Amino acid sequence: MQTIHDGQCGLCKHFGEPHPSDKKIVEIRTSHKAPEIMVDECGLPRNASLHLMVTPISGCDGFEKAA
């Protein structure tokens, strides 16, 4: 398991945006831990056309803290 910090995708509202209530996404946001092999969609509007897949420890300047 990897520890997720503020500013990383796992805690961003755009990580897994198409399914924010998914058990895995909620667990990452509450525990700040994620499996090393996990990847999910980035829903950041400016990246939408790229269909970008990121890990929970990835990050960019479009970070917005998830609720």
PDB file of N, CA and C in Angstrom:
ATOM      1  N   MET A   1       0.845  -1.185   0.000  1.00  0.00           N
ATOM      2  CA  MET A   1       0.000   0.000   0.000  1.00  0.00           C
ATOM      3  C   MET A   1       0.887   1.243   0.000  1.00  0.00           C
ATOM      4  N   GLN A   2       0.414   2.251  -0.719  1.00  0.00           N
ATOM      5  CA  GLN A   2       1.117   3.529  -0.773  1.00  0.00           C
ATOM      6  C   GLN A   2       0.342   4.558   0.046  1.00  0.00           C
ATOM      7  N   THR A   3       1.072   5.449   0.699  1.00  0.00           N
ATOM      8  CA  THR A   3       0.445   6.533   1.445  1.00  0.00           C
ATOM      9  C   THR A   3       0.237   7.711   0.505  1.00  0.00           C
ATOM     10  N   ILE A   4      -0.975   8.280   0.529  1.00  0.00           N
ATOM     11  CA  ILE A   4      -1.349   9.383  -0.345  1.00  0.00           C
ATOM     12  C   ILE A   4      -1.333  10.676   0.458  1.00  0.00           C
ATOM     13  N   HIS A   5      -0.754  11.732  -0.127  1.00  0.00           N
ATOM     14  CA  HIS A   5      -0.634  13.027   0.548  1.00  0.00           C
ATOM     15  C   HIS A   5      -1.425  14.092  -0.214  1.00  0.00           C
ATOM     16  N   ASP A   6      -1.732  15.200   0.480  1.00  0.00           N
ATOM     17  CA  ASP A   6      -2.405  16.324  -0.192  1.00  0.00           C
ATOM     18  C   ASP A   6      -1.617  16.720  -1.433  1.00  0.00           C
ATOM     19  N   GLY A   7      -2.327  16.994  -2.509  1.00  0.00           N
ATOM     20  CA  GLY A   7      -1.703  17.371  -3.769  1.00  0.00           C
ATOM     21  C   GLY A   7      -1.551  16.195  -4.724  1.00  0.00           C
ATOM     22  N   GLN A   8      -1.783  14.980  -4.242  1.00  0.00           N
ATOM     23  CA  GLN A   8      -1.682  13.807  -5.102  1.00  0.00           C
ATOM     24  C   GLN A   8      -3.068  13.394  -5.590  1.00  0.00           C
ATOM     25  N   CYS A   9      -3.102  12.745  -6.726  1.00  0.00           N
ATOM     26  CA  CYS A   9      -4.356  12.411  -7.402  1.00  0.00           C
ATOM     27  C   CYS A   9      -5.370  11.666  -6.541  1.00  0.00           C
ATOM     28  N   GLY A  10      -4.934  10.781  -5.696  1.00  0.00           N
ATOM     29  CA  GLY A  10      -5.856  10.007  -4.882  1.00  0.00           C
ATOM     30  C   GLY A  10      -6.764  10.845  -4.003  1.00  0.00           C
ATOM     31  N   LEU A  11      -6.332  12.056  -3.681  1.00  0.00           N
ATOM     32  CA  LEU A  11      -7.135  12.957  -2.844  1.00  0.00           C
ATOM     33  C   LEU A  11      -7.772  14.083  -3.652  1.00  0.00           C
ATOM     34  N   CYS A  12      -7.652  14.016  -4.970  1.00  0.00           N
ATOM     35  CA  CYS A  12      -8.207  15.043  -5.858  1.00  0.00           C
ATOM     36  C   CYS A  12      -9.630  14.676  -6.279  1.00  0.00           C
ATOM     37  N   LYS A  13     -10.484  15.672  -6.410  1.00  0.00           N
ATOM     38  CA  LYS A  13     -11.875  15.404  -6.810  1.00  0.00           C
ATOM     39  C   LYS A  13     -11.957  14.849  -8.229  1.00  0.00           C
ATOM     40  N   HIS A  14     -10.929  15.025  -9.039  1.00  0.00           N
ATOM     41  CA  HIS A  14     -10.948  14.536 -10.415  1.00  0.00           C
ATOM     42  C   HIS A  14     -10.530  13.072 -10.544  1.00  0.00           C
ATOM     43  N   PHE A  15      -9.912  12.505  -9.499  1.00  0.00           N
ATOM     44  CA  PHE A  15      -9.491  11.103  -9.532  1.00  0.00           C
ATOM     45  C   PHE A  15     -10.732  10.224  -9.415  1.00  0.00           C
ATOM     46  N   GLY A  16     -10.967   9.396 -10.409  1.00  0.00           N
ATOM     47  CA  GLY A  16     -12.147   8.535 -10.406  1.00  0.00           C
ATOM     48  C   GLY A  16     -13.446   9.319 -10.495  1.00  0.00           C
ATOM     49  N   GLU A  17     -13.383  10.496 -11.084  1.00  0.00           N
ATOM     50  CA  GLU A  17     -14.545  11.393 -11.130  1.00  0.00           C
ATOM     51  C   GLU A  17     -15.812  10.765 -11.720  1.00  0.00           C
ATOM     52  N   PRO A  18     -15.720   9.882 -12.706  1.00  0.00           N
ATOM     53  CA  PRO A  18     -16.948   9.271 -13.224  1.00  0.00           C
ATOM     54  C   PRO A  18     -17.675   8.388 -12.208  1.00  0.00           C
ATOM     55  N   HIS A  19     -16.983   7.990 -11.143  1.00  0.00           N
ATOM     56  CA  HIS A  19     -17.607   7.122 -10.136  1.00  0.00           C
ATOM     57  C   HIS A  19     -17.072   7.461  -8.736  1.00  0.00           C
ATOM     58  N   PRO A  20     -17.325   8.692  -8.246  1.00  0.00           N
ATOM     59  CA  PRO A  20     -16.764   9.148  -6.975  1.00  0.00           C
ATOM     60  C   PRO A  20     -17.255   8.383  -5.739  1.00  0.00           C
ATOM     61  N   SER A  21     -18.371   7.691  -5.848  1.00  0.00           N
ATOM     62  CA  SER A  21     -18.899   6.944  -4.699  1.00  0.00           C
ATOM     63  C   SER A  21     -18.414   5.504  -4.663  1.00  0.00           C
ATOM     64  N   ASP A  22     -17.583   5.129  -5.630  1.00  0.00           N
ATOM     65  CA  ASP A  22     -17.031   3.777  -5.663  1.00  0.00           C
ATOM     66  C   ASP A  22     -16.306   3.504  -4.346  1.00  0.00           C
ATOM     67  N   LYS A  23     -16.503   2.318  -3.814  1.00  0.00           N
ATOM     68  CA  LYS A  23     -15.919   1.939  -2.524  1.00  0.00           C
ATOM     69  C   LYS A  23     -14.407   2.162  -2.482  1.00  0.00           C
ATOM     70  N   LYS A  24     -13.707   1.812  -3.565  1.00  0.00           N
ATOM     71  CA  LYS A  24     -12.244   1.973  -3.605  1.00  0.00           C
ATOM     72  C   LYS A  24     -11.833   3.440  -3.519  1.00  0.00           C
ATOM     73  N   ILE A  25     -12.545   4.308  -4.234  1.00  0.00           N
ATOM     74  CA  ILE A  25     -12.224   5.737  -4.240  1.00  0.00           C
ATOM     75  C   ILE A  25     -12.473   6.328  -2.856  1.00  0.00           C
ATOM     76  N   VAL A  26     -13.602   6.000  -2.251  1.00  0.00           N
ATOM     77  CA  VAL A  26     -13.942   6.499  -0.914  1.00  0.00           C
ATOM     78  C   VAL A  26     -12.908   6.024   0.105  1.00  0.00           C
ATOM     79  N   GLU A  27     -12.513   4.768   0.010  1.00  0.00           N
ATOM     80  CA  GLU A  27     -11.525   4.215   0.943  1.00  0.00           C
ATOM     81  C   GLU A  27     -10.175   4.937   0.834  1.00  0.00           C
ATOM     82  N   ILE A  28      -9.748   5.234  -0.375  1.00  0.00           N
ATOM     83  CA  ILE A  28      -8.483   5.958  -0.570  1.00  0.00           C
ATOM     84  C   ILE A  28      -8.567   7.338   0.076  1.00  0.00           C
ATOM     85  N   ARG A  29      -9.679   8.012  -0.128  1.00  0.00           N
ATOM     86  CA  ARG A  29      -9.827   9.372   0.410  1.00  0.00           C
ATOM     87  C   ARG A  29      -9.944   9.407   1.928  1.00  0.00           C
ATOM     88  N   THR A  30     -10.456   8.350   2.514  1.00  0.00           N
ATOM     89  CA  THR A  30     -10.582   8.336   3.973  1.00  0.00           C
ATOM     90  C   THR A  30      -9.342   7.778   4.666  1.00  0.00           C
ATOM     91  N   SER A  31      -8.715   6.781   4.063  1.00  0.00           N
ATOM     92  CA  SER A  31      -7.550   6.148   4.700  1.00  0.00           C
ATOM     93  C   SER A  31      -6.214   6.757   4.267  1.00  0.00           C
ATOM     94  N   HIS A  32      -6.214   7.473   3.139  1.00  0.00           N
ATOM     95  CA  HIS A  32      -4.986   8.032   2.546  1.00  0.00           C
ATOM     96  C   HIS A  32      -4.004   6.929   2.176  1.00  0.00           C
ATOM     97  N   LYS A  33      -4.535   5.759   1.814  1.00  0.00           N
ATOM     98  CA  LYS A  33      -3.709   4.634   1.379  1.00  0.00           C
ATOM     99  C   LYS A  33      -4.346   4.013   0.140  1.00  0.00           C
ATOM    100  N   ALA A  34      -3.474   3.537  -0.782  1.00  0.00           N
ATOM    101  CA  ALA A  34      -3.954   2.930  -2.021  1.00  0.00           C
ATOM    102  C   ALA A  34      -3.003   1.824  -2.461  1.00  0.00           C
ATOM    103  N   PRO A  35      -3.536   0.824  -3.167  1.00  0.00           N
ATOM    104  CA  PRO A  35      -2.681  -0.245  -3.690  1.00  0.00           C
ATOM    105  C   PRO A  35      -1.682   0.308  -4.716  1.00  0.00           C
ATOM    106  N   GLU A  36      -0.506  -0.284  -4.749  1.00  0.00           N
ATOM    107  CA  GLU A  36       0.549   0.173  -5.660  1.00  0.00           C
ATOM    108  C   GLU A  36       0.169   0.056  -7.126  1.00  0.00           C
ATOM    109  N   ILE A  37      -0.666  -0.917  -7.473  1.00  0.00           N
ATOM    110  CA  ILE A  37      -0.977  -1.164  -8.887  1.00  0.00           C
ATOM    111  C   ILE A  37      -2.244  -0.466  -9.371  1.00  0.00           C
ATOM    112  N   MET A  38      -2.903   0.304  -8.524  1.00  0.00           N
ATOM    113  CA  MET A  38      -4.167   0.920  -8.906  1.00  0.00           C
ATOM    114  C   MET A  38      -3.963   2.090  -9.875  1.00  0.00           C
ATOM    115  N   VAL A  39      -4.816   2.166 -10.885  1.00  0.00           N
ATOM    116  CA  VAL A  39      -4.903   3.317 -11.780  1.00  0.00           C
ATOM    117  C   VAL A  39      -6.389   3.610 -11.989  1.00  0.00           C
ATOM    118  N   ASP A  40      -6.700   4.878 -12.242  1.00  0.00           N
ATOM    119  CA  ASP A  40      -8.084   5.258 -12.491  1.00  0.00           C
ATOM    120  C   ASP A  40      -8.082   6.503 -13.363  1.00  0.00           C
ATOM    121  N   GLU A  41      -9.274   6.865 -13.805  1.00  0.00           N
ATOM    122  CA  GLU A  41      -9.426   8.007 -14.704  1.00  0.00           C
ATOM    123  C   GLU A  41      -9.221   9.345 -14.009  1.00  0.00           C
ATOM    124  N   CYS A  42      -8.632  10.277 -14.752  1.00  0.00           N
ATOM    125  CA  CYS A  42      -8.545  11.664 -14.309  1.00  0.00           C
ATOM    126  C   CYS A  42      -9.637  12.428 -15.046  1.00  0.00           C
ATOM    127  N   GLY A  43     -10.524  13.068 -14.289  1.00  0.00           N
ATOM    128  CA  GLY A  43     -11.629  13.801 -14.891  1.00  0.00           C
ATOM    129  C   GLY A  43     -11.376  15.288 -15.042  1.00  0.00           C
ATOM    130  N   LEU A  44     -10.136  15.740 -14.861  1.00  0.00           N
ATOM    131  CA  LEU A  44      -9.821  17.162 -15.012  1.00  0.00           C
ATOM    132  C   LEU A  44     -10.241  17.604 -16.409  1.00  0.00           C
ATOM    133  N   PRO A  45     -11.114  18.607 -16.522  1.00  0.00           N
ATOM    134  CA  PRO A  45     -11.658  18.993 -17.827  1.00  0.00           C
ATOM    135  C   PRO A  45     -10.613  19.228 -18.919  1.00  0.00           C
ATOM    136  N   ARG A  46      -9.509  19.853 -18.594  1.00  0.00           N
ATOM    137  CA  ARG A  46      -8.518  20.134 -19.646  1.00  0.00           C
ATOM    138  C   ARG A  46      -7.787  18.875 -20.111  1.00  0.00           C
ATOM    139  N   ASN A  47      -7.920  17.764 -19.364  1.00  0.00           N
ATOM    140  CA  ASN A  47      -7.305  16.499 -19.756  1.00  0.00           C
ATOM    141  C   ASN A  47      -8.318  15.514 -20.327  1.00  0.00           C
ATOM    142  N   ALA A  48      -9.582  15.890 -20.379  1.00  0.00           N
ATOM    143  CA  ALA A  48     -10.654  14.977 -20.770  1.00  0.00           C
ATOM    144  C   ALA A  48     -10.398  14.310 -22.121  1.00  0.00           C
ATOM    145  N   SER A  49      -9.924  15.051 -23.088  1.00  0.00           N
ATOM    146  CA  SER A  49      -9.710  14.478 -24.417  1.00  0.00           C
ATOM    147  C   SER A  49      -8.576  13.450 -24.438  1.00  0.00           C
ATOM    148  N   LEU A  50      -7.742  13.450 -23.410  1.00  0.00           N
ATOM    149  CA  LEU A  50      -6.622  12.508 -23.338  1.00  0.00           C
ATOM    150  C   LEU A  50      -7.017  11.169 -22.727  1.00  0.00           C
ATOM    151  N   HIS A  51      -8.162  11.126 -22.042  1.00  0.00           N
ATOM    152  CA  HIS A  51      -8.586   9.918 -21.326  1.00  0.00           C
ATOM    153  C   HIS A  51      -7.440   9.426 -20.442  1.00  0.00           C
ATOM    154  N   LEU A  52      -6.897  10.358 -19.684  1.00  0.00           N
ATOM    155  CA  LEU A  52      -5.726  10.120 -18.852  1.00  0.00           C
ATOM    156  C   LEU A  52      -6.023   9.158 -17.708  1.00  0.00           C
ATOM    157  N   MET A  53      -5.169   8.170 -17.554  1.00  0.00           N
ATOM    158  CA  MET A  53      -5.242   7.221 -16.445  1.00  0.00           C
ATOM    159  C   MET A  53      -4.053   7.523 -15.538  1.00  0.00           C
ATOM    160  N   VAL A  54      -4.323   7.659 -14.232  1.00  0.00           N
ATOM    161  CA  VAL A  54      -3.280   8.038 -13.281  1.00  0.00           C
ATOM    162  C   VAL A  54      -3.291   7.124 -12.067  1.00  0.00           C
ATOM    163  N   THR A  55      -2.198   7.125 -11.344  1.00  0.00           N
ATOM    164  CA  THR A  55      -2.128   6.403 -10.081  1.00  0.00           C
ATOM    165  C   THR A  55      -2.529   7.353  -8.960  1.00  0.00           C
ATOM    166  N   PRO A  56      -2.896   6.833  -7.802  1.00  0.00           N
ATOM    167  CA  PRO A  56      -3.252   7.706  -6.691  1.00  0.00           C
ATOM    168  C   PRO A  56      -2.114   8.607  -6.221  1.00  0.00           C
ATOM    169  N   ILE A  57      -0.855   8.229  -6.479  1.00  0.00           N
ATOM    170  CA  ILE A  57       0.259   9.076  -6.045  1.00  0.00           C
ATOM    171  C   ILE A  57       0.722  10.046  -7.130  1.00  0.00           C
ATOM    172  N   SER A  58       0.077  10.019  -8.296  1.00  0.00           N
ATOM    173  CA  SER A  58       0.391  10.990  -9.344  1.00  0.00           C
ATOM    174  C   SER A  58      -0.065  12.365  -8.881  1.00  0.00           C
ATOM    175  N   GLY A  59       0.265  13.386  -9.638  1.00  0.00           N
ATOM    176  CA  GLY A  59      -0.168  14.738  -9.284  1.00  0.00           C
ATOM    177  C   GLY A  59       0.011  15.690 -10.435  1.00  0.00           C
ATOM    178  N   CYS A  60      -0.700  16.821 -10.376  1.00  0.00           N
ATOM    179  CA  CYS A  60      -0.558  17.876 -11.375  1.00  0.00           C
ATOM    180  C   CYS A  60      -0.998  19.199 -10.760  1.00  0.00           C
ATOM    181  N   ASP A  61      -0.874  20.270 -11.526  1.00  0.00           N
ATOM    182  CA  ASP A  61      -1.243  21.587 -10.985  1.00  0.00           C
ATOM    183  C   ASP A  61      -2.759  21.831 -11.034  1.00  0.00           C
ATOM    184  N   GLY A  62      -3.537  20.844 -11.477  1.00  0.00           N
ATOM    185  CA  GLY A  62      -4.989  20.963 -11.495  1.00  0.00           C
ATOM    186  C   GLY A  62      -5.644  20.349 -10.256  1.00  0.00           C
ATOM    187  N   PHE A  63      -4.841  20.032  -9.235  1.00  0.00           N
ATOM    188  CA  PHE A  63      -5.357  19.390  -8.020  1.00  0.00           C
ATOM    189  C   PHE A  63      -6.452  20.232  -7.365  1.00  0.00           C
ATOM    190  N   GLU A  64      -7.564  19.556  -7.059  1.00  0.00           N
ATOM    191  CA  GLU A  64      -8.648  20.158  -6.276  1.00  0.00           C
ATOM    192  C   GLU A  64      -9.046  19.138  -5.238  1.00  0.00           C
ATOM    193  N   LYS A  65      -8.941  19.502  -3.967  1.00  0.00           N
ATOM    194  CA  LYS A  65      -9.225  18.567  -2.875  1.00  0.00           C
ATOM    195  C   LYS A  65     -10.636  18.019  -2.969  1.00  0.00           C
ATOM    196  N   ALA A  66     -10.752  16.708  -2.846  1.00  0.00           N
ATOM    197  CA  ALA A  66     -12.067  16.043  -2.868  1.00  0.00           C
ATOM    198  C   ALA A  66     -12.821  16.354  -1.577  1.00  0.00           C
ATOM    199  N   ALA A  67     -14.134  16.368  -1.688  1.00  0.00           N
ATOM    200  CA  ALA A  67     -14.977  16.642  -0.517  1.00  0.00           C
ATOM    201  C   ALA A  67     -14.893  15.520   0.485  1.00  0.00           C
TER     202      ALA A  67
END
